[in-house]
PDB file of N, CA and C in Angstrom:
ATOM      1  N   MET A   1     -85.064-133.031 124.495  1.00  0.00           N
ATOM      2  CA  MET A   1     -84.985-131.989 123.502  1.00  0.00           C
ATOM      3  C   MET A   1     -83.917-130.983 123.940  1.00  0.00           C
ATOM      4  N   PRO A   2     -83.250-130.350 123.003  1.00  0.00           N
ATOM      5  CA  PRO A   2     -82.265-129.328 123.359  1.00  0.00           C
ATOM      6  C   PRO A   2     -82.940-128.106 123.990  1.00  0.00           C
ATOM      7  N   VAL A   3     -82.220-127.419 124.834  1.00  0.00           N
ATOM      8  CA  VAL A   3     -82.750-126.231 125.515  1.00  0.00           C
ATOM      9  C   VAL A   3     -83.247-125.192 124.504  1.00  0.00           C
ATOM     10  N   VAL A   4     -82.611-125.118 123.351  1.00  0.00           N
ATOM     11  CA  VAL A   4     -82.996-124.140 122.327  1.00  0.00           C
ATOM     12  C   VAL A   4     -84.457-124.302 121.927  1.00  0.00           C
ATOM     13  N   PHE A   5     -84.951-125.533 121.873  1.00  0.00           N
ATOM     14  CA  PHE A   5     -86.315-125.810 121.434  1.00  0.00           C
ATOM     15  C   PHE A   5     -87.301-125.987 122.590  1.00  0.00           C
ATOM     16  N   ALA A   6     -86.847-125.818 123.812  1.00  0.00           N
ATOM     17  CA  ALA A   6     -87.699-126.010 124.986  1.00  0.00           C
ATOM     18  C   ALA A   6     -88.684-124.853 125.126  1.00  0.00           C
ATOM     19  N   PRO A   7     -89.864-125.125 125.667  1.00  0.00           N
ATOM     20  CA  PRO A   7     -90.855-124.061 125.854  1.00  0.00           C
ATOM     21  C   PRO A   7     -90.423-123.094 126.965  1.00  0.00           C
ATOM     22  N   GLN A   8     -90.761-121.848 126.795  1.00  0.00           N
ATOM     23  CA  GLN A   8     -90.408-120.835 127.787  1.00  0.00           C
ATOM     24  C   GLN A   8     -91.335-120.923 128.990  1.00  0.00           C
ATOM     25  N   GLY A   9     -90.786-120.686 130.164  1.00  0.00           N
ATOM     26  CA  GLY A   9     -91.579-120.655 131.384  1.00  0.00           C
ATOM     27  C   GLY A   9     -91.827-122.003 132.031  1.00  0.00           C
ATOM     28  N   GLU A  10     -91.451-123.092 131.398  1.00  0.00           N
ATOM     29  CA  GLU A  10     -91.640-124.437 131.956  1.00  0.00           C
ATOM     30  C   GLU A  10     -90.427-124.822 132.804  1.00  0.00           C
ATOM     31  N   ILE A  11     -90.663-125.546 133.886  1.00  0.00           N
ATOM     32  CA  ILE A  11     -89.560-126.096 134.669  1.00  0.00           C
ATOM     33  C   ILE A  11     -89.090-127.361 133.972  1.00  0.00           C
ATOM     34  N   LEU A  12     -87.817-127.392 133.621  1.00  0.00           N
ATOM     35  CA  LEU A  12     -87.240-128.487 132.855  1.00  0.00           C
ATOM     36  C   LEU A  12     -86.168-129.187 133.671  1.00  0.00           C
ATOM     37  N   LYS A  13     -85.956-130.456 133.377  1.00  0.00           N
ATOM     38  CA  LYS A  13     -84.924-131.234 134.049  1.00  0.00           C
ATOM     39  C   LYS A  13     -83.829-131.566 133.042  1.00  0.00           C
ATOM     40  N   VAL A  14     -82.592-131.288 133.405  1.00  0.00           N
ATOM     41  CA  VAL A  14     -81.465-131.607 132.530  1.00  0.00           C
ATOM     42  C   VAL A  14     -81.265-133.113 132.554  1.00  0.00           C
ATOM     43  N   ILE A  15     -81.291-133.748 131.379  1.00  0.00           N
ATOM     44  CA  ILE A  15     -81.121-135.199 131.322  1.00  0.00           C
ATOM     45  C   ILE A  15     -79.768-135.607 130.755  1.00  0.00           C
ATOM     46  N   ARG A  16     -79.131-134.685 129.990  1.00  0.00           N
ATOM     47  CA  ARG A  16     -77.833-135.030 129.413  1.00  0.00           C
ATOM     48  C   ARG A  16     -77.132-133.775 128.911  1.00  0.00           C
ATOM     49  N   VAL A  17     -75.812-133.779 128.993  1.00  0.00           N
ATOM     50  CA  VAL A  17     -75.010-132.691 128.436  1.00  0.00           C
ATOM     51  C   VAL A  17     -74.041-133.313 127.439  1.00  0.00           C
ATOM     52  N   LEU A  18     -74.187-132.934 126.171  1.00  0.00           N
ATOM     53  CA  LEU A  18     -73.406-133.538 125.092  1.00  0.00           C
ATOM     54  C   LEU A  18     -72.226-132.653 124.691  1.00  0.00           C
ATOM     55  N   ALA A  19     -71.443-132.225 125.648  1.00  0.00           N
ATOM     56  CA  ALA A  19     -70.322-131.332 125.366  1.00  0.00           C
ATOM     57  C   ALA A  19     -69.004-132.004 125.744  1.00  0.00           C
ATOM     58  N   ASP A  20     -67.903-131.372 125.344  1.00  0.00           N
ATOM     59  CA  ASP A  20     -66.596-131.898 125.729  1.00  0.00           C
ATOM     60  C   ASP A  20     -66.388-131.685 127.232  1.00  0.00           C
ATOM     61  N   GLU A  21     -65.376-132.323 127.779  1.00  0.00           N
ATOM     62  CA  GLU A  21     -65.167-132.306 129.230  1.00  0.00           C
ATOM     63  C   GLU A  21     -64.966-130.894 129.786  1.00  0.00           C
ATOM     64  N   LYS A  22     -64.261-130.057 129.062  1.00  0.00           N
ATOM     65  CA  LYS A  22     -64.003-128.696 129.529  1.00  0.00           C
ATOM     66  C   LYS A  22     -65.310-127.907 129.641  1.00  0.00           C
ATOM     67  N   THR A  23     -66.154-128.024 128.627  1.00  0.00           N
ATOM     68  CA  THR A  23     -67.437-127.321 128.634  1.00  0.00           C
ATOM     69  C   THR A  23     -68.366-127.894 129.693  1.00  0.00           C
ATOM     70  N   LYS A  24     -68.381-129.224 129.838  1.00  0.00           N
ATOM     71  CA  LYS A  24     -69.203-129.865 130.877  1.00  0.00           C
ATOM     72  C   LYS A  24     -68.821-129.350 132.258  1.00  0.00           C
ATOM     73  N   LYS A  25     -67.528-129.266 132.516  1.00  0.00           N
ATOM     74  CA  LYS A  25     -67.047-128.802 133.814  1.00  0.00           C
ATOM     75  C   LYS A  25     -67.473-127.361 134.061  1.00  0.00           C
ATOM     76  N   HIS A  26     -67.380-126.529 133.032  1.00  0.00           N
ATOM     77  CA  HIS A  26     -67.794-125.129 133.156  1.00  0.00           C
ATOM     78  C   HIS A  26     -69.292-125.030 133.459  1.00  0.00           C
ATOM     79  N   LEU A  27     -70.101-125.808 132.747  1.00  0.00           N
ATOM     80  CA  LEU A  27     -71.543-125.807 132.981  1.00  0.00           C
ATOM     81  C   LEU A  27     -71.878-126.325 134.380  1.00  0.00           C
ATOM     82  N   GLU A  28     -71.148-127.334 134.846  1.00  0.00           N
ATOM     83  CA  GLU A  28     -71.360-127.841 136.206  1.00  0.00           C
ATOM     84  C   GLU A  28     -71.077-126.756 137.240  1.00  0.00           C
ATOM     85  N   ASN A  29     -70.029-125.973 137.006  1.00  0.00           N
ATOM     86  CA  ASN A  29     -69.703-124.880 137.927  1.00  0.00           C
ATOM     87  C   ASN A  29     -70.798-123.815 137.948  1.00  0.00           C
ATOM     88  N   LEU A  30     -71.534-123.691 136.842  1.00  0.00           N
ATOM     89  CA  LEU A  30     -72.641-122.739 136.761  1.00  0.00           C
ATOM     90  C   LEU A  30     -73.944-123.312 137.317  1.00  0.00           C
ATOM     91  N   GLY A  31     -73.958-124.609 137.630  1.00  0.00           N
ATOM     92  CA  GLY A  31     -75.145-125.244 138.192  1.00  0.00           C
ATOM     93  C   GLY A  31     -75.935-126.074 137.207  1.00  0.00           C
ATOM     94  N   ILE A  32     -75.461-126.190 135.971  1.00  0.00           N
ATOM     95  CA  ILE A  32     -76.162-126.991 134.969  1.00  0.00           C
ATOM     96  C   ILE A  32     -75.565-128.387 134.979  1.00  0.00           C
ATOM     97  N   THR A  33     -76.184-129.268 135.761  1.00  0.00           N
ATOM     98  CA  THR A  33     -75.729-130.649 135.893  1.00  0.00           C
ATOM     99  C   THR A  33     -76.891-131.573 135.560  1.00  0.00           C
ATOM    100  N   VAL A  34     -76.606-132.831 135.322  1.00  0.00           N
ATOM    101  CA  VAL A  34     -77.661-133.810 135.072  1.00  0.00           C
ATOM    102  C   VAL A  34     -78.545-133.885 136.312  1.00  0.00           C
ATOM    103  N   GLY A  35     -79.837-133.733 136.107  1.00  0.00           N
ATOM    104  CA  GLY A  35     -80.793-133.746 137.208  1.00  0.00           C
ATOM    105  C   GLY A  35     -81.171-132.364 137.704  1.00  0.00           C
ATOM    106  N   ALA A  36     -80.454-131.339 137.291  1.00  0.00           N
ATOM    107  CA  ALA A  36     -80.754-129.974 137.726  1.00  0.00           C
ATOM    108  C   ALA A  36     -82.023-129.477 137.054  1.00  0.00           C
ATOM    109  N   GLN A  37     -82.727-128.572 137.729  1.00  0.00           N
ATOM    110  CA  GLN A  37     -83.931-127.969 137.163  1.00  0.00           C
ATOM    111  C   GLN A  37     -83.590-126.582 136.630  1.00  0.00           C
ATOM    112  N   ILE A  38     -84.000-126.320 135.390  1.00  0.00           N
ATOM    113  CA  ILE A  38     -83.778-125.016 134.777  1.00  0.00           C
ATOM    114  C   ILE A  38     -85.075-124.544 134.136  1.00  0.00           C
ATOM    115  N   THR A  39     -85.171-123.255 133.911  1.00  0.00           N
ATOM    116  CA  THR A  39     -86.323-122.662 133.248  1.00  0.00           C
ATOM    117  C   THR A  39     -85.822-121.748 132.148  1.00  0.00           C
ATOM    118  N   VAL A  40     -86.365-121.897 130.941  1.00  0.00           N
ATOM    119  CA  VAL A  40     -86.004-121.012 129.835  1.00  0.00           C
ATOM    120  C   VAL A  40     -86.797-119.718 129.991  1.00  0.00           C
ATOM    121  N   LEU A  41     -86.087-118.607 130.110  1.00  0.00           N
ATOM    122  CA  LEU A  41     -86.744-117.309 130.237  1.00  0.00           C
ATOM    123  C   LEU A  41     -86.979-116.672 128.874  1.00  0.00           C
ATOM    124  N   SER A  42     -85.990-116.776 127.997  1.00  0.00           N
ATOM    125  CA  SER A  42     -86.171-116.269 126.635  1.00  0.00           C
ATOM    126  C   SER A  42     -85.164-116.920 125.706  1.00  0.00           C
ATOM    127  N   ALA A  43     -85.523-116.972 124.442  1.00  0.00           N
ATOM    128  CA  ALA A  43     -84.644-117.536 123.424  1.00  0.00           C
ATOM    129  C   ALA A  43     -84.766-116.678 122.182  1.00  0.00           C
ATOM    130  N   GLY A  44     -83.653-116.407 121.570  1.00  0.00           N
ATOM    131  CA  GLY A  44     -83.668-115.600 120.357  1.00  0.00           C
ATOM    132  C   GLY A  44     -82.430-114.727 120.295  1.00  0.00           C
ATOM    133  N   GLY A  45     -82.119-114.276 119.114  1.00  0.00           N
ATOM    134  CA  GLY A  45     -80.959-113.408 118.968  1.00  0.00           C
ATOM    135  C   GLY A  45     -79.631-114.115 119.138  1.00  0.00           C
ATOM    136  N   GLY A  46     -79.622-115.427 118.982  1.00  0.00           N
ATOM    137  CA  GLY A  46     -78.368-116.167 119.098  1.00  0.00           C
ATOM    138  C   GLY A  46     -78.018-116.623 120.488  1.00  0.00           C
ATOM    139  N   SER A  47     -78.881-116.354 121.475  1.00  0.00           N
ATOM    140  CA  SER A  47     -78.606-116.831 122.824  1.00  0.00           C
ATOM    141  C   SER A  47     -79.894-117.273 123.507  1.00  0.00           C
ATOM    142  N   VAL A  48     -79.727-118.045 124.564  1.00  0.00           N
ATOM    143  CA  VAL A  48     -80.854-118.531 125.357  1.00  0.00           C
ATOM    144  C   VAL A  48     -80.601-118.111 126.791  1.00  0.00           C
ATOM    145  N   ILE A  49     -81.576-117.473 127.416  1.00  0.00           N
ATOM    146  CA  ILE A  49     -81.438-117.061 128.810  1.00  0.00           C
ATOM    147  C   ILE A  49     -82.224-118.044 129.665  1.00  0.00           C
ATOM    148  N   VAL A  50     -81.518-118.661 130.622  1.00  0.00           N
ATOM    149  CA  VAL A  50     -82.138-119.664 131.489  1.00  0.00           C
ATOM    150  C   VAL A  50     -81.982-119.258 132.947  1.00  0.00           C
ATOM    151  N   MET A  51     -82.894-119.760 133.768  1.00  0.00           N
ATOM    152  CA  MET A  51     -82.829-119.553 135.212  1.00  0.00           C
ATOM    153  C   MET A  51     -82.359-120.853 135.838  1.00  0.00           C
ATOM    154  N   VAL A  52     -81.248-120.784 136.585  1.00  0.00           N
ATOM    155  CA  VAL A  52     -80.682-121.939 137.269  1.00  0.00           C
ATOM    156  C   VAL A  52     -80.410-121.541 138.704  1.00  0.00           C
ATOM    157  N   LYS A  53     -81.089-122.192 139.647  1.00  0.00           N
ATOM    158  CA  LYS A  53     -80.868-121.923 141.068  1.00  0.00           C
ATOM    159  C   LYS A  53     -80.894-120.430 141.382  1.00  0.00           C
ATOM    160  N   ASP A  54     -81.951-119.743 141.008  1.00  0.00           N
ATOM    161  CA  ASP A  54     -82.140-118.310 141.273  1.00  0.00           C
ATOM    162  C   ASP A  54     -81.112-117.413 140.597  1.00  0.00           C
ATOM    163  N   SER A  55     -80.444-117.906 139.573  1.00  0.00           N
ATOM    164  CA  SER A  55     -79.493-117.111 138.796  1.00  0.00           C
ATOM    165  C   SER A  55     -79.870-117.176 137.326  1.00  0.00           C
ATOM    166  N   ARG A  56     -79.710-116.065 136.645  1.00  0.00           N
ATOM    167  CA  ARG A  56     -79.965-116.033 135.202  1.00  0.00           C
ATOM    168  C   ARG A  56     -78.649-116.210 134.463  1.00  0.00           C
ATOM    169  N   LEU A  57     -78.678-117.093 133.476  1.00  0.00           N
ATOM    170  CA  LEU A  57     -77.497-117.348 132.666  1.00  0.00           C
ATOM    171  C   LEU A  57     -77.853-117.173 131.194  1.00  0.00           C
ATOM    172  N   ALA A  58     -76.942-116.550 130.456  1.00  0.00           N
ATOM    173  CA  ALA A  58     -77.106-116.441 129.004  1.00  0.00           C
ATOM    174  C   ALA A  58     -76.199-117.483 128.374  1.00  0.00           C
ATOM    175  N   LEU A  59     -76.795-118.381 127.607  1.00  0.00           N
ATOM    176  CA  LEU A  59     -76.045-119.440 126.939  1.00  0.00           C
ATOM    177  C   LEU A  59     -76.001-119.181 125.446  1.00  0.00           C
ATOM    178  N   ASP A  60     -74.847-119.367 124.861  1.00  0.00           N
ATOM    179  CA  ASP A  60     -74.710-119.280 123.412  1.00  0.00           C
ATOM    180  C   ASP A  60     -75.544-120.392 122.781  1.00  0.00           C
ATOM    181  N   LYS A  61     -76.076-120.133 121.612  1.00  0.00           N
ATOM    182  CA  LYS A  61     -76.949-121.121 120.955  1.00  0.00           C
ATOM    183  C   LYS A  61     -76.226-122.446 120.717  1.00  0.00           C
ATOM    184  N   SER A  62     -74.930-122.396 120.389  1.00  0.00           N
ATOM    185  CA  SER A  62     -74.188-123.633 120.132  1.00  0.00           C
ATOM    186  C   SER A  62     -74.051-124.471 121.407  1.00  0.00           C
ATOM    187  N   VAL A  63     -73.920-123.827 122.553  1.00  0.00           N
ATOM    188  CA  VAL A  63     -73.843-124.558 123.828  1.00  0.00           C
ATOM    189  C   VAL A  63     -75.227-125.051 124.240  1.00  0.00           C
ATOM    190  N   ALA A  64     -76.236-124.217 124.034  1.00  0.00           N
ATOM    191  CA  ALA A  64     -77.595-124.581 124.421  1.00  0.00           C
ATOM    192  C   ALA A  64     -78.136-125.782 123.658  1.00  0.00           C
ATOM    193  N   THR A  65     -77.654-126.001 122.441  1.00  0.00           N
ATOM    194  CA  THR A  65     -78.107-127.173 121.686  1.00  0.00           C
ATOM    195  C   THR A  65     -77.511-128.465 122.239  1.00  0.00           C
ATOM    196  N   LYS A  66     -76.480-128.364 123.043  1.00  0.00           N
ATOM    197  CA  LYS A  66     -75.829-129.559 123.608  1.00  0.00           C
ATOM    198  C   LYS A  66     -76.387-129.946 124.966  1.00  0.00           C
ATOM    199  N   ILE A  67     -77.302-129.147 125.501  1.00  0.00           N
ATOM    200  CA  ILE A  67     -77.930-129.442 126.791  1.00  0.00           C
ATOM    201  C   ILE A  67     -79.318-130.002 126.507  1.00  0.00           C
ATOM    202  N   LEU A  68     -79.516-131.278 126.840  1.00  0.00           N
ATOM    203  CA  LEU A  68     -80.804-131.934 126.593  1.00  0.00           C
ATOM    204  C   LEU A  68     -81.646-131.914 127.855  1.00  0.00           C
ATOM    205  N   VAL A  69     -82.923-131.562 127.703  1.00  0.00           N
ATOM    206  CA  VAL A  69     -83.823-131.443 128.835  1.00  0.00           C
ATOM    207  C   VAL A  69     -85.122-132.203 128.568  1.00  0.00           C
ATOM    208  N   ALA A  70     -85.855-132.443 129.643  1.00  0.00           N
ATOM    209  CA  ALA A  70     -87.183-133.057 129.574  1.00  0.00           C
ATOM    210  C   ALA A  70     -88.127-132.266 130.466  1.00  0.00           C
ATOM    211  N   ILE A  71     -89.406-132.289 130.109  1.00  0.00           N
ATOM    212  CA  ILE A  71     -90.409-131.567 130.902  1.00  0.00           C
ATOM    213  C   ILE A  71     -90.796-132.404 132.097  1.00  0.00           C
TER     214      ILE A  71
END
């Protein structure tokens, strides 16, 4: 499921990133890679705030829909 629809507070595993190479590389530099664990802290207002490796990141809704996760 896309990060946008993921439940808040759950530890999620990134299973796929459906973005172009430039965006994938940027997300990898931020720690969002296939197999990484992330937690959705809040969603709404056009952005999703996630916790990745003890860092909080705000993702635009269009980018967050391209990150697929599993519980």
